[in-house]
Protein backbone atom coordinates (compact mmCIF):
# COMPACT_ATOMS: atom_id res chain seq x y z
CA UNK A 1 69.14 82.14 104.66
CA UNK A 2 65.65 83.51 104.53
CA UNK A 3 63.63 86.57 105.46
CA UNK A 4 60.01 87.43 106.19
CA UNK A 5 57.84 90.37 107.23
CA UNK A 6 55.60 90.34 110.31
CA UNK A 7 54.11 92.99 112.60
CA UNK A 8 55.96 95.94 111.09
CA UNK A 9 59.41 94.27 111.17
CA UNK A 10 61.57 92.38 108.69
CA UNK A 11 63.12 89.23 110.16
CA UNK A 12 66.32 87.72 108.77
CA UNK A 13 68.00 84.36 109.36
CA UNK A 14 71.40 84.09 107.66
CA UNK A 15 73.50 80.93 107.71
CA UNK A 16 77.00 80.28 106.33
CA UNK A 17 79.33 77.29 106.37
CA UNK A 18 83.05 77.28 105.72
CA UNK A 19 83.93 73.72 104.68
CA UNK A 20 87.45 74.09 103.34
CA UNK A 21 90.48 73.87 105.59
CA UNK A 22 92.51 76.82 104.34
CA UNK A 23 92.37 78.71 107.68
CA UNK A 24 90.43 81.57 106.09
CA UNK A 25 87.04 82.66 107.35
CA UNK A 26 83.83 83.03 105.38
CA UNK A 27 82.28 86.50 105.55
CA UNK A 28 78.73 87.66 104.91
CA UNK A 29 78.01 91.36 104.41
CA UNK A 30 74.37 92.31 104.96
CA UNK A 31 73.54 95.84 103.82
CA UNK A 32 70.17 97.52 104.09
CA UNK A 33 68.84 100.85 102.90
CA UNK A 34 66.54 103.28 104.71
CA UNK A 35 66.02 107.04 104.98
CA UNK A 36 69.53 107.32 106.47
CA UNK A 37 71.26 105.63 103.52
CA UNK A 38 73.07 102.29 103.42
CA UNK A 39 74.09 100.42 106.60
CA UNK A 40 76.26 97.28 106.63
CA UNK A 41 76.66 94.49 109.13
CA UNK A 42 79.47 91.96 108.64
CA UNK A 43 79.30 88.42 109.96
CA UNK A 44 82.10 85.84 109.86
CA UNK A 45 82.69 82.19 110.64
CA UNK A 46 85.51 79.68 110.43
CA UNK A 47 83.03 76.81 110.46
CA UNK A 48 79.29 77.28 110.80
CA UNK A 49 77.54 80.53 111.67
CA UNK A 50 73.89 81.49 111.95
CA UNK A 51 72.71 85.03 112.65
CA UNK A 52 69.13 86.06 113.39
CA UNK A 53 68.06 89.70 113.60
CA UNK A 54 65.23 92.02 112.65
CA UNK A 55 64.81 95.54 111.30
CA UNK A 56 61.84 97.85 111.75
CA UNK A 57 59.88 98.77 108.64
CA UNK A 58 59.69 102.33 109.97
CA UNK A 59 62.40 104.77 108.94
CA UNK A 60 62.01 104.10 105.24
CA UNK A 61 63.49 100.57 105.08
CA UNK A 62 63.22 99.81 101.37
CA UNK A 63 65.66 97.06 100.48
CA UNK A 64 68.71 94.99 101.30
CA UNK A 65 71.62 93.25 99.64
CA UNK A 66 74.04 90.53 100.72
CA UNK A 67 77.23 89.04 99.45
CA UNK A 68 79.59 86.38 100.67
CA UNK A 69 83.37 86.20 100.58
CA UNK A 70 86.32 84.32 101.96
CA UNK A 71 89.80 85.40 102.91
CA UNK A 72 91.66 87.34 105.53
CA UNK A 73 91.09 90.89 106.75
CA UNK A 74 93.01 92.42 103.83
CA UNK A 75 91.78 90.46 100.83
CA UNK A 76 88.31 88.97 100.48
CA UNK A 77 87.27 86.95 97.45
CA UNK A 78 83.77 88.46 97.26
CA UNK A 79 80.98 86.85 95.27
CA UNK A 80 78.17 88.65 93.48
CA UNK A 81 75.55 90.67 95.33
CA UNK A 82 72.08 89.34 95.95
CA UNK A 83 69.69 92.28 96.25
CA UNK A 84 66.02 92.78 97.02
CA UNK A 85 64.04 96.03 96.87
CA UNK A 86 60.54 96.75 98.09
């Protein structure tokens, strides 16, 4: 995926593909930090998923992190975090 800043908002485009045939979904956790602390949005796909959203720079938005995993709702095989701070 990618992200950019424009007009006081951060825009995100996240894409994930689940190519194996093990009947488990791929999950992407997107967490961002602002004056209210950390907030997490979880996305999932059993094939191909693309999610586009934006977050206002107001409210103290100062960074985000993502990580990807695969599994069922009890056990995810999470990868490492990718983080970015401003």
